[in-house]
Amino acid sequence: MAVSPPPMALAWQVERWAPGVYGAFVSRVLPQVTSRSQATSWWRSPSENARVGGESDSQHLLGLGLDITDPDLDGLAIRLQRAGLVAVRAARHVHVQAWPAGTARRIGLLAAVGL
């Protein structure tokens, strides 16, 4: 599966609502990954998100959620949490997102971008 960045039109809308959010997210994630880390899921369309069983308000829909594999999943999750991100270790990857679950819906961002 190819890892897709958010479409430019979506990214523009998200940045209008939450200026600097992508830069802050990426600048916190990148220093924590290693040469052995691999992103397996970044932006998901609503249909792809539903297909994989994602939450209806998943930050993947905004390009603010990322799944990463790494030989040291526990260490990666801890590093991401220490960087101020929400990171949860799953069986085969670490899911990291910009905000706590439900935040994008609560602040109106999902509705603002038509999701």
PDB file of N, CA and C in Angstrom:
ATOM      1  N   MET A   1       0.831  -1.184   0.000  1.00  0.00           N
ATOM      2  CA  MET A   1       0.000   0.000   0.000  1.00  0.00           C
ATOM      3  C   MET A   1       0.877   1.250   0.000  1.00  0.00           C
ATOM      4  N   ALA A   2       0.594   2.148  -0.899  1.00  0.00           N
ATOM      5  CA  ALA A   2       1.341   3.402  -0.962  1.00  0.00           C
ATOM      6  C   ALA A   2       0.861   4.339   0.143  1.00  0.00           C
ATOM      7  N   VAL A   3       1.771   5.075   0.705  1.00  0.00           N
ATOM      8  CA  VAL A   3       1.433   6.043   1.743  1.00  0.00           C
ATOM      9  C   VAL A   3       1.208   7.382   1.055  1.00  0.00           C
ATOM     10  N   SER A   4       0.014   7.929   1.211  1.00  0.00           N
ATOM     11  CA  SER A   4      -0.350   9.163   0.522  1.00  0.00           C
ATOM     12  C   SER A   4      -0.382  10.352   1.467  1.00  0.00           C
ATOM     13  N   PRO A   5       0.209  11.468   1.044  1.00  0.00           N
ATOM     14  CA  PRO A   5       0.047  12.698   1.825  1.00  0.00           C
ATOM     15  C   PRO A   5      -1.354  13.243   1.593  1.00  0.00           C
ATOM     16  N   PRO A   6      -1.794  14.164   2.424  1.00  0.00           N
ATOM     17  CA  PRO A   6      -3.119  14.739   2.205  1.00  0.00           C
ATOM     18  C   PRO A   6      -3.162  15.519   0.885  1.00  0.00           C
ATOM     19  N   PRO A   7      -4.291  15.480   0.194  1.00  0.00           N
ATOM     20  CA  PRO A   7      -4.421  16.274  -1.029  1.00  0.00           C
ATOM     21  C   PRO A   7      -4.217  17.760  -0.719  1.00  0.00           C
ATOM     22  N   MET A   8      -3.675  18.494  -1.657  1.00  0.00           N
ATOM     23  CA  MET A   8      -3.373  19.910  -1.428  1.00  0.00           C
ATOM     24  C   MET A   8      -4.608  20.712  -1.031  1.00  0.00           C
ATOM     25  N   ALA A   9      -5.747  20.443  -1.665  1.00  0.00           N
ATOM     26  CA  ALA A   9      -6.966  21.196  -1.320  1.00  0.00           C
ATOM     27  C   ALA A   9      -7.354  20.967   0.136  1.00  0.00           C
ATOM     28  N   LEU A  10      -7.233  19.734   0.601  1.00  0.00           N
ATOM     29  CA  LEU A  10      -7.542  19.433   1.997  1.00  0.00           C
ATOM     30  C   LEU A  10      -6.520  20.093   2.920  1.00  0.00           C
ATOM     31  N   ALA A  11      -5.242  19.965   2.578  1.00  0.00           N
ATOM     32  CA  ALA A  11      -4.186  20.557   3.405  1.00  0.00           C
ATOM     33  C   ALA A  11      -4.381  22.066   3.529  1.00  0.00           C
ATOM     34  N   TRP A  12      -4.766  22.705   2.449  1.00  0.00           N
ATOM     35  CA  TRP A  12      -4.986  24.146   2.479  1.00  0.00           C
ATOM     36  C   TRP A  12      -6.119  24.488   3.434  1.00  0.00           C
ATOM     37  N   GLN A  13      -7.211  23.722   3.377  1.00  0.00           N
ATOM     38  CA  GLN A  13      -8.346  23.967   4.277  1.00  0.00           C
ATOM     39  C   GLN A  13      -7.954  23.743   5.734  1.00  0.00           C
ATOM     40  N   VAL A  14      -7.229  22.675   6.002  1.00  0.00           N
ATOM     41  CA  VAL A  14      -6.800  22.380   7.375  1.00  0.00           C
ATOM     42  C   VAL A  14      -5.893  23.487   7.885  1.00  0.00           C
ATOM     43  N   GLU A  15      -4.966  23.940   7.059  1.00  0.00           N
ATOM     44  CA  GLU A  15      -4.039  25.002   7.477  1.00  0.00           C
ATOM     45  C   GLU A  15      -4.772  26.320   7.726  1.00  0.00           C
ATOM     46  N   ARG A  16      -5.824  26.583   6.976  1.00  0.00           N
ATOM     47  CA  ARG A  16      -6.610  27.795   7.226  1.00  0.00           C
ATOM     48  C   ARG A  16      -7.264  27.724   8.597  1.00  0.00           C
ATOM     49  N   TRP A  17      -7.722  26.543   8.985  1.00  0.00           N
ATOM     50  CA  TRP A  17      -8.422  26.352  10.257  1.00  0.00           C
ATOM     51  C   TRP A  17      -7.445  26.262  11.429  1.00  0.00           C
ATOM     52  N   ALA A  18      -6.335  25.606  11.198  1.00  0.00           N
ATOM     53  CA  ALA A  18      -5.336  25.387  12.259  1.00  0.00           C
ATOM     54  C   ALA A  18      -3.949  25.708  11.692  1.00  0.00           C
ATOM     55  N   PRO A  19      -3.617  26.995  11.556  1.00  0.00           N
ATOM     56  CA  PRO A  19      -2.355  27.384  10.927  1.00  0.00           C
ATOM     57  C   PRO A  19      -1.136  26.725  11.580  1.00  0.00           C
ATOM     58  N   GLY A  20      -0.282  26.171  10.729  1.00  0.00           N
ATOM     59  CA  GLY A  20       0.964  25.577  11.192  1.00  0.00           C
ATOM     60  C   GLY A  20       0.861  24.158  11.710  1.00  0.00           C
ATOM     61  N   VAL A  21      -0.332  23.561  11.649  1.00  0.00           N
ATOM     62  CA  VAL A  21      -0.515  22.239  12.253  1.00  0.00           C
ATOM     63  C   VAL A  21       0.312  21.169  11.558  1.00  0.00           C
ATOM     64  N   TYR A  22       0.413  21.204  10.232  1.00  0.00           N
ATOM     65  CA  TYR A  22       1.202  20.177   9.543  1.00  0.00           C
ATOM     66  C   TYR A  22       2.682  20.303   9.882  1.00  0.00           C
ATOM     67  N   GLY A  23       3.178  21.533   9.871  1.00  0.00           N
ATOM     68  CA  GLY A  23       4.588  21.730  10.193  1.00  0.00           C
ATOM     69  C   GLY A  23       4.915  21.284  11.609  1.00  0.00           C
ATOM     70  N   ALA A  24       4.033  21.593  12.540  1.00  0.00           N
ATOM     71  CA  ALA A  24       4.248  21.179  13.927  1.00  0.00           C
ATOM     72  C   ALA A  24       4.207  19.663  14.058  1.00  0.00           C
ATOM     73  N   PHE A  25       3.257  19.028  13.366  1.00  0.00           N
ATOM     74  CA  PHE A  25       3.127  17.576  13.428  1.00  0.00           C
ATOM     75  C   PHE A  25       4.371  16.905  12.859  1.00  0.00           C
ATOM     76  N   VAL A  26       4.741  17.265  11.654  1.00  0.00           N
ATOM     77  CA  VAL A  26       5.888  16.629  10.991  1.00  0.00           C
ATOM     78  C   VAL A  26       7.180  16.921  11.745  1.00  0.00           C
ATOM     79  N   SER A  27       7.342  18.152  12.237  1.00  0.00           N
ATOM     80  CA  SER A  27       8.593  18.490  12.929  1.00  0.00           C
ATOM     81  C   SER A  27       8.733  17.757  14.256  1.00  0.00           C
ATOM     82  N   ARG A  28       7.631  17.286  14.818  1.00  0.00           N
ATOM     83  CA  ARG A  28       7.698  16.486  16.051  1.00  0.00           C
ATOM     84  C   ARG A  28       7.887  15.004  15.747  1.00  0.00           C
ATOM     85  N   VAL A  29       7.328  14.541  14.620  1.00  0.00           N
ATOM     86  CA  VAL A  29       7.435  13.120  14.276  1.00  0.00           C
ATOM     87  C   VAL A  29       8.831  12.779  13.754  1.00  0.00           C
ATOM     88  N   LEU A  30       9.318  13.546  12.788  1.00  0.00           N
ATOM     89  CA  LEU A  30      10.551  13.166  12.088  1.00  0.00           C
ATOM     90  C   LEU A  30      11.753  12.895  12.983  1.00  0.00           C
ATOM     91  N   PRO A  31      12.032  13.705  14.003  1.00  0.00           N
ATOM     92  CA  PRO A  31      13.201  13.412  14.831  1.00  0.00           C
ATOM     93  C   PRO A  31      13.090  12.101  15.626  1.00  0.00           C
ATOM     94  N   GLN A  32      11.876  11.560  15.737  1.00  0.00           N
ATOM     95  CA  GLN A  32      11.678  10.359  16.557  1.00  0.00           C
ATOM     96  C   GLN A  32      11.816   9.055  15.774  1.00  0.00           C
ATOM     97  N   VAL A  33      11.744   9.130  14.458  1.00  0.00           N
ATOM     98  CA  VAL A  33      11.831   7.916  13.659  1.00  0.00           C
ATOM     99  C   VAL A  33      13.294   7.592  13.347  1.00  0.00           C
ATOM    100  N   THR A  34      13.534   6.342  12.999  1.00  0.00           N
ATOM    101  CA  THR A  34      14.887   5.899  12.677  1.00  0.00           C
ATOM    102  C   THR A  34      14.946   5.466  11.219  1.00  0.00           C
ATOM    103  N   SER A  35      16.122   5.101  10.775  1.00  0.00           N
ATOM    104  CA  SER A  35      16.272   4.625   9.395  1.00  0.00           C
ATOM    105  C   SER A  35      15.541   3.304   9.187  1.00  0.00           C
ATOM    106  N   ARG A  36      15.177   2.640  10.265  1.00  0.00           N
ATOM    107  CA  ARG A  36      14.443   1.370  10.159  1.00  0.00           C
ATOM    108  C   ARG A  36      12.930   1.555  10.290  1.00  0.00           C
ATOM    109  N   SER A  37      12.490   2.773  10.523  1.00  0.00           N
ATOM    110  CA  SER A  37      11.062   3.072  10.620  1.00  0.00           C
ATOM    111  C   SER A  37      10.465   3.175   9.221  1.00  0.00           C
ATOM    112  N   GLN A  38       9.181   2.845   9.119  1.00  0.00           N
ATOM    113  CA  GLN A  38       8.499   2.948   7.829  1.00  0.00           C
ATOM    114  C   GLN A  38       7.048   3.357   8.059  1.00  0.00           C
ATOM    115  N   ALA A  39       6.613   4.398   7.364  1.00  0.00           N
ATOM    116  CA  ALA A  39       5.214   4.806   7.431  1.00  0.00           C
ATOM    117  C   ALA A  39       4.389   3.827   6.612  1.00  0.00           C
ATOM    118  N   THR A  40       3.287   3.371   7.181  1.00  0.00           N
ATOM    119  CA  THR A  40       2.419   2.432   6.466  1.00  0.00           C
ATOM    120  C   THR A  40       1.065   3.037   6.124  1.00  0.00           C
ATOM    121  N   SER A  41       0.677   4.124   6.778  1.00  0.00           N
ATOM    122  CA  SER A  41      -0.579   4.793   6.471  1.00  0.00           C
ATOM    123  C   SER A  41      -0.489   6.235   6.952  1.00  0.00           C
ATOM    124  N   TRP A  42      -0.837   7.159   6.062  1.00  0.00           N
ATOM    125  CA  TRP A  42      -0.827   8.574   6.429  1.00  0.00           C
ATOM    126  C   TRP A  42      -2.220   9.121   6.171  1.00  0.00           C
ATOM    127  N   TRP A  43      -2.455   9.777   5.031  1.00  0.00           N
ATOM    128  CA  TRP A  43      -3.795  10.275   4.733  1.00  0.00           C
ATOM    129  C   TRP A  43      -4.649   9.140   4.191  1.00  0.00           C
ATOM    130  N   ARG A  44      -5.902   9.111   4.631  1.00  0.00           N
ATOM    131  CA  ARG A  44      -6.873   8.149   4.113  1.00  0.00           C
ATOM    132  C   ARG A  44      -8.119   8.889   3.641  1.00  0.00           C
ATOM    133  N   SER A  45      -8.633   8.478   2.505  1.00  0.00           N
ATOM    134  CA  SER A  45      -9.930   8.989   2.058  1.00  0.00           C
ATOM    135  C   SER A  45     -10.993   8.409   2.987  1.00  0.00           C
ATOM    136  N   PRO A  46     -12.179   9.016   3.038  1.00  0.00           N
ATOM    137  CA  PRO A  46     -13.240   8.441   3.874  1.00  0.00           C
ATOM    138  C   PRO A  46     -13.546   6.986   3.515  1.00  0.00           C
ATOM    139  N   SER A  47     -13.538   6.638   2.237  1.00  0.00           N
ATOM    140  CA  SER A  47     -13.846   5.249   1.855  1.00  0.00           C
ATOM    141  C   SER A  47     -12.732   4.297   2.290  1.00  0.00           C
ATOM    142  N   GLU A  48     -11.485   4.700   2.140  1.00  0.00           N
ATOM    143  CA  GLU A  48     -10.369   3.856   2.584  1.00  0.00           C
ATOM    144  C   GLU A  48     -10.379   3.728   4.103  1.00  0.00           C
ATOM    145  N   ASN A  49     -10.667   4.815   4.799  1.00  0.00           N
ATOM    146  CA  ASN A  49     -10.726   4.777   6.256  1.00  0.00           C
ATOM    147  C   ASN A  49     -11.797   3.797   6.726  1.00  0.00           C
ATOM    148  N   ALA A  50     -12.970   3.832   6.083  1.00  0.00           N
ATOM    149  CA  ALA A  50     -14.042   2.898   6.437  1.00  0.00           C
ATOM    150  C   ALA A  50     -13.630   1.462   6.115  1.00  0.00           C
ATOM    151  N   ARG A  51     -12.962   1.271   4.985  1.00  0.00           N
ATOM    152  CA  ARG A  51     -12.551  -0.070   4.575  1.00  0.00           C
ATOM    153  C   ARG A  51     -11.615  -0.719   5.589  1.00  0.00           C
ATOM    154  N   VAL A  52     -10.718   0.063   6.171  1.00  0.00           N
ATOM    155  CA  VAL A  52      -9.760  -0.494   7.130  1.00  0.00           C
ATOM    156  C   VAL A  52     -10.278  -0.449   8.567  1.00  0.00           C
ATOM    157  N   GLY A  53     -11.517  -0.006   8.753  1.00  0.00           N
ATOM    158  CA  GLY A  53     -12.103   0.019  10.094  1.00  0.00           C
ATOM    159  C   GLY A  53     -11.694   1.206  10.933  1.00  0.00           C
ATOM    160  N   GLY A  54     -11.274   2.295  10.291  1.00  0.00           N
ATOM    161  CA  GLY A  54     -10.870   3.489  11.029  1.00  0.00           C
ATOM    162  C   GLY A  54     -12.043   4.195  11.675  1.00  0.00           C
ATOM    163  N   GLU A  55     -11.761   4.973  12.681  1.00  0.00           N
ATOM    164  CA  GLU A  55     -12.792   5.753  13.376  1.00  0.00           C
ATOM    165  C   GLU A  55     -13.358   6.804  12.432  1.00  0.00           C
ATOM    166  N   SER A  56     -14.618   7.169  12.623  1.00  0.00           N
ATOM    167  CA  SER A  56     -15.262   8.138  11.737  1.00  0.00           C
ATOM    168  C   SER A  56     -14.632   9.527  11.843  1.00  0.00           C
ATOM    169  N   ASP A  57     -13.948   9.800  12.953  1.00  0.00           N
ATOM    170  CA  ASP A  57     -13.269  11.088  13.101  1.00  0.00           C
ATOM    171  C   ASP A  57     -11.746  10.916  13.161  1.00  0.00           C
ATOM    172  N   SER A  58     -11.257   9.881  12.492  1.00  0.00           N
ATOM    173  CA  SER A  58      -9.821   9.593  12.467  1.00  0.00           C
ATOM    174  C   SER A  58      -9.028  10.784  11.933  1.00  0.00           C
ATOM    175  N   GLN A  59      -7.909  11.057  12.568  1.00  0.00           N
ATOM    176  CA  GLN A  59      -7.052  12.132  12.089  1.00  0.00           C
ATOM    177  C   GLN A  59      -6.326  11.755  10.795  1.00  0.00           C
ATOM    178  N   HIS A  60      -6.381  10.472  10.410  1.00  0.00           N
ATOM    179  CA  HIS A  60      -5.886  10.075   9.086  1.00  0.00           C
ATOM    180  C   HIS A  60      -6.668  10.815   7.999  1.00  0.00           C
ATOM    181  N   LEU A  61      -7.942  11.105   8.236  1.00  0.00           N
ATOM    182  CA  LEU A  61      -8.778  11.792   7.251  1.00  0.00           C
ATOM    183  C   LEU A  61      -8.268  13.193   6.953  1.00  0.00           C
ATOM    184  N   LEU A  62      -7.503  13.753   7.864  1.00  0.00           N
ATOM    185  CA  LEU A  62      -6.952  15.098   7.725  1.00  0.00           C
ATOM    186  C   LEU A  62      -5.464  15.092   7.388  1.00  0.00           C
ATOM    187  N   GLY A  63      -4.860  13.922   7.357  1.00  0.00           N
ATOM    188  CA  GLY A  63      -3.417  13.852   7.175  1.00  0.00           C
ATOM    189  C   GLY A  63      -2.661  14.151   8.451  1.00  0.00           C
ATOM    190  N   LEU A  64      -3.345  14.049   9.591  1.00  0.00           N
ATOM    191  CA  LEU A  64      -2.718  14.311  10.888  1.00  0.00           C
ATOM    192  C   LEU A  64      -2.607  13.054  11.737  1.00  0.00           C
ATOM    193  N   GLY A  65      -2.773  11.906  11.087  1.00  0.00           N
ATOM    194  CA  GLY A  65      -2.576  10.604  11.718  1.00  0.00           C
ATOM    195  C   GLY A  65      -1.578   9.833  10.876  1.00  0.00           C
ATOM    196  N   LEU A  66      -0.760   9.045  11.518  1.00  0.00           N
ATOM    197  CA  LEU A  66       0.300   8.324  10.820  1.00  0.00           C
ATOM    198  C   LEU A  66       0.537   7.000  11.526  1.00  0.00           C
ATOM    199  N   ASP A  67       0.626   5.928  10.751  1.00  0.00           N
ATOM    200  CA  ASP A  67       0.992   4.622  11.302  1.00  0.00           C
ATOM    201  C   ASP A  67       2.422   4.329  10.876  1.00  0.00           C
ATOM    202  N   ILE A  68       3.248   3.905  11.830  1.00  0.00           N
ATOM    203  CA  ILE A  68       4.671   3.704  11.580  1.00  0.00           C
ATOM    204  C   ILE A  68       5.090   2.350  12.130  1.00  0.00           C
ATOM    205  N   THR A  69       5.802   1.583  11.318  1.00  0.00           N
ATOM    206  CA  THR A  69       6.416   0.353  11.806  1.00  0.00           C
ATOM    207  C   THR A  69       7.858   0.660  12.182  1.00  0.00           C
ATOM    208  N   ASP A  70       8.380  -0.116  13.110  1.00  0.00           N
ATOM    209  CA  ASP A  70       9.747   0.068  13.580  1.00  0.00           C
ATOM    210  C   ASP A  70      10.108  -1.190  14.380  1.00  0.00           C
ATOM    211  N   PRO A  71      11.356  -1.633  14.335  1.00  0.00           N
ATOM    212  CA  PRO A  71      11.734  -2.796  15.134  1.00  0.00           C
ATOM    213  C   PRO A  71      11.518  -2.592  16.641  1.00  0.00           C
ATOM    214  N   ASP A  72      11.567  -1.337  17.100  1.00  0.00           N
ATOM    215  CA  ASP A  72      11.366  -1.028  18.519  1.00  0.00           C
ATOM    216  C   ASP A  72      10.087  -0.203  18.670  1.00  0.00           C
ATOM    217  N   LEU A  73       8.940  -0.859  18.588  1.00  0.00           N
ATOM    218  CA  LEU A  73       7.667  -0.140  18.665  1.00  0.00           C
ATOM    219  C   LEU A  73       7.466   0.566  19.995  1.00  0.00           C
ATOM    220  N   ASP A  74       7.836  -0.092  21.090  1.00  0.00           N
ATOM    221  CA  ASP A  74       7.676   0.540  22.410  1.00  0.00           C
ATOM    222  C   ASP A  74       8.517   1.808  22.514  1.00  0.00           C
ATOM    223  N   GLY A  75       9.765   1.720  22.075  1.00  0.00           N
ATOM    224  CA  GLY A  75      10.645   2.881  22.121  1.00  0.00           C
ATOM    225  C   GLY A  75      10.141   4.017  21.245  1.00  0.00           C
ATOM    226  N   LEU A  76       9.648   3.675  20.054  1.00  0.00           N
ATOM    227  CA  LEU A  76       9.107   4.695  19.154  1.00  0.00           C
ATOM    228  C   LEU A  76       7.909   5.382  19.790  1.00  0.00           C
ATOM    229  N   ALA A  77       6.998   4.611  20.365  1.00  0.00           N
ATOM    230  CA  ALA A  77       5.814   5.196  21.007  1.00  0.00           C
ATOM    231  C   ALA A  77       6.213   6.142  22.131  1.00  0.00           C
ATOM    232  N   ILE A  78       7.168   5.746  22.934  1.00  0.00           N
ATOM    233  CA  ILE A  78       7.621   6.591  24.046  1.00  0.00           C
ATOM    234  C   ILE A  78       8.242   7.880  23.515  1.00  0.00           C
ATOM    235  N   ARG A  79       9.083   7.777  22.492  1.00  0.00           N
ATOM    236  CA  ARG A  79       9.720   8.980  21.927  1.00  0.00           C
ATOM    237  C   ARG A  79       8.666   9.940  21.368  1.00  0.00           C
ATOM    238  N   LEU A  80       7.676   9.410  20.676  1.00  0.00           N
ATOM    239  CA  LEU A  80       6.623  10.256  20.104  1.00  0.00           C
ATOM    240  C   LEU A  80       5.795  10.922  21.203  1.00  0.00           C
ATOM    241  N   GLN A  81       5.501  10.183  22.267  1.00  0.00           N
ATOM    242  CA  GLN A  81       4.758  10.765  23.386  1.00  0.00           C
ATOM    243  C   GLN A  81       5.566  11.868  24.054  1.00  0.00           C
ATOM    244  N   ARG A  82       6.847  11.635  24.230  1.00  0.00           N
ATOM    245  CA  ARG A  82       7.713  12.659  24.846  1.00  0.00           C
ATOM    246  C   ARG A  82       7.823  13.904  23.979  1.00  0.00           C
ATOM    247  N   ALA A  83       7.588  13.739  22.663  1.00  0.00           N
ATOM    248  CA  ALA A  83       7.614  14.876  21.738  1.00  0.00           C
ATOM    249  C   ALA A  83       6.286  15.635  21.746  1.00  0.00           C
ATOM    250  N   GLY A  84       5.356  15.212  22.601  1.00  0.00           N
ATOM    251  CA  GLY A  84       4.098  15.917  22.745  1.00  0.00           C
ATOM    252  C   GLY A  84       2.998  15.451  21.810  1.00  0.00           C
ATOM    253  N   LEU A  85       3.165  14.271  21.235  1.00  0.00           N
ATOM    254  CA  LEU A  85       2.164  13.718  20.328  1.00  0.00           C
ATOM    255  C   LEU A  85       1.369  12.611  21.012  1.00  0.00           C
ATOM    256  N   VAL A  86       0.219  12.295  20.454  1.00  0.00           N
ATOM    257  CA  VAL A  86      -0.568  11.173  20.931  1.00  0.00           C
ATOM    258  C   VAL A  86      -0.084   9.953  20.157  1.00  0.00           C
ATOM    259  N   ALA A  87       0.485   8.981  20.838  1.00  0.00           N
ATOM    260  CA  ALA A  87       1.031   7.788  20.182  1.00  0.00           C
ATOM    261  C   ALA A  87       0.548   6.553  20.922  1.00  0.00           C
ATOM    262  N   VAL A  88       0.054   5.593  20.146  1.00  0.00           N
ATOM    263  CA  VAL A  88      -0.481   4.356  20.706  1.00  0.00           C
ATOM    264  C   VAL A  88       0.170   3.188  19.990  1.00  0.00           C
ATOM    265  N   ARG A  89       0.720   2.275  20.747  1.00  0.00           N
ATOM    266  CA  ARG A  89       1.342   1.094  20.158  1.00  0.00           C
ATOM    267  C   ARG A  89       0.256   0.080  19.836  1.00  0.00           C
ATOM    268  N   ALA A  90       0.246  -0.381  18.615  1.00  0.00           N
ATOM    269  CA  ALA A  90      -0.653  -1.462  18.193  1.00  0.00           C
ATOM    270  C   ALA A  90       0.201  -2.713  18.004  1.00  0.00           C
ATOM    271  N   ALA A  91      -0.384  -3.781  17.503  1.00  0.00           N
ATOM    272  CA  ALA A  91       0.343  -5.045  17.356  1.00  0.00           C
ATOM    273  C   ALA A  91       1.548  -4.917  16.436  1.00  0.00           C
ATOM    274  N   ARG A  92       1.379  -4.232  15.302  1.00  0.00           N
ATOM    275  CA  ARG A  92       2.457  -4.183  14.299  1.00  0.00           C
ATOM    276  C   ARG A  92       2.931  -2.781  13.947  1.00  0.00           C
ATOM    277  N   HIS A  93       2.385  -1.771  14.594  1.00  0.00           N
ATOM    278  CA  HIS A  93       2.787  -0.403  14.283  1.00  0.00           C
ATOM    279  C   HIS A  93       2.488   0.506  15.479  1.00  0.00           C
ATOM    280  N   VAL A  94       2.950   1.728  15.359  1.00  0.00           N
ATOM    281  CA  VAL A  94       2.581   2.776  16.308  1.00  0.00           C
ATOM    282  C   VAL A  94       1.699   3.751  15.544  1.00  0.00           C
ATOM    283  N   HIS A  95       0.552   4.055  16.114  1.00  0.00           N
ATOM    284  CA  HIS A  95      -0.313   5.080  15.537  1.00  0.00           C
ATOM    285  C   HIS A  95       0.001   6.370  16.267  1.00  0.00           C
ATOM    286  N   VAL A  96       0.312   7.418  15.513  1.00  0.00           N
ATOM    287  CA  VAL A  96       0.587   8.728  16.103  1.00  0.00           C
ATOM    288  C   VAL A  96      -0.354   9.736  15.457  1.00  0.00           C
ATOM    289  N   GLN A  97      -0.845  10.672  16.272  1.00  0.00           N
ATOM    290  CA  GLN A  97      -1.726  11.705  15.752  1.00  0.00           C
ATOM    291  C   GLN A  97      -1.429  13.009  16.451  1.00  0.00           C
ATOM    292  N   ALA A  98      -1.885  14.081  15.825  1.00  0.00           N
ATOM    293  CA  ALA A  98      -1.577  15.421  16.315  1.00  0.00           C
ATOM    294  C   ALA A  98      -2.258  15.745  17.638  1.00  0.00           C
ATOM    295  N   TRP A  99      -3.521  15.332  17.774  1.00  0.00           N
ATOM    296  CA  TRP A  99      -4.319  15.722  18.933  1.00  0.00           C
ATOM    297  C   TRP A  99      -4.977  14.518  19.576  1.00  0.00           C
ATOM    298  N   PRO A 100      -5.475  14.664  20.799  1.00  0.00           N
ATOM    299  CA  PRO A 100      -6.250  13.579  21.409  1.00  0.00           C
ATOM    300  C   PRO A 100      -7.477  13.248  20.559  1.00  0.00           C
ATOM    301  N   ALA A 101      -7.933  12.021  20.658  1.00  0.00           N
ATOM    302  CA  ALA A 101      -9.092  11.555  19.890  1.00  0.00           C
ATOM    303  C   ALA A 101     -10.282  12.479  20.118  1.00  0.00           C
ATOM    304  N   GLY A 102     -11.000  12.762  19.057  1.00  0.00           N
ATOM    305  CA  GLY A 102     -12.199  13.585  19.127  1.00  0.00           C
ATOM    306  C   GLY A 102     -11.959  15.076  19.003  1.00  0.00           C
ATOM    307  N   THR A 103     -10.723  15.520  19.082  1.00  0.00           N
ATOM    308  CA  THR A 103     -10.427  16.956  19.049  1.00  0.00           C
ATOM    309  C   THR A 103     -10.830  17.592  17.728  1.00  0.00           C
ATOM    310  N   ALA A 104     -10.501  16.960  16.607  1.00  0.00           N
ATOM    311  CA  ALA A 104     -10.812  17.551  15.299  1.00  0.00           C
ATOM    312  C   ALA A 104     -12.318  17.759  15.136  1.00  0.00           C
ATOM    313  N   ARG A 105     -13.107  16.826  15.624  1.00  0.00           N
ATOM    314  CA  ARG A 105     -14.565  16.990  15.544  1.00  0.00           C
ATOM    315  C   ARG A 105     -15.020  18.079  16.524  1.00  0.00           C
ATOM    316  N   ARG A 106     -14.475  18.051  17.737  1.00  0.00           N
ATOM    317  CA  ARG A 106     -14.884  19.020  18.770  1.00  0.00           C
ATOM    318  C   ARG A 106     -14.607  20.463  18.360  1.00  0.00           C
ATOM    319  N   ILE A 107     -13.490  20.700  17.700  1.00  0.00           N
ATOM    320  CA  ILE A 107     -13.145  22.088  17.320  1.00  0.00           C
ATOM    321  C   ILE A 107     -13.780  22.492  15.985  1.00  0.00           C
ATOM    322  N   GLY A 108     -14.503  21.567  15.364  1.00  0.00           N
ATOM    323  CA  GLY A 108     -15.200  21.882  14.125  1.00  0.00           C
ATOM    324  C   GLY A 108     -14.397  21.701  12.861  1.00  0.00           C
ATOM    325  N   LEU A 109     -13.194  21.162  12.981  1.00  0.00           N
ATOM    326  CA  LEU A 109     -12.327  21.034  11.814  1.00  0.00           C
ATOM    327  C   LEU A 109     -12.863  20.033  10.791  1.00  0.00           C
ATOM    328  N   LEU A 110     -13.362  18.882  11.238  1.00  0.00           N
ATOM    329  CA  LEU A 110     -13.899  17.903  10.289  1.00  0.00           C
ATOM    330  C   LEU A 110     -15.052  18.501   9.487  1.00  0.00           C
ATOM    331  N   ALA A 111     -15.956  19.197  10.156  1.00  0.00           N
ATOM    332  CA  ALA A 111     -17.081  19.831   9.457  1.00  0.00           C
ATOM    333  C   ALA A 111     -16.580  20.919   8.512  1.00  0.00           C
ATOM    334  N   ALA A 112     -15.561  21.650   8.929  1.00  0.00           N
ATOM    335  CA  ALA A 112     -15.041  22.749   8.097  1.00  0.00           C
ATOM    336  C   ALA A 112     -14.464  22.256   6.780  1.00  0.00           C
ATOM    337  N   VAL A 113     -13.951  21.026   6.770  1.00  0.00           N
ATOM    338  CA  VAL A 113     -13.374  20.487   5.532  1.00  0.00           C
ATOM    339  C   VAL A 113     -14.340  19.510   4.846  1.00  0.00           C
ATOM    340  N   GLY A 114     -15.579  19.471   5.335  1.00  0.00           N
ATOM    341  CA  GLY A 114     -16.603  18.651   4.695  1.00  0.00           C
ATOM    342  C   GLY A 114     -16.605  17.191   5.067  1.00  0.00           C
ATOM    343  N   LEU A 115     -16.088  16.849   6.245  1.00  0.00           N
ATOM    344  CA  LEU A 115     -16.073  15.444   6.678  1.00  0.00           C
ATOM    345  C   LEU A 115     -17.011  15.205   7.847  1.00  0.00           C
TER     346      LEU A 115
END
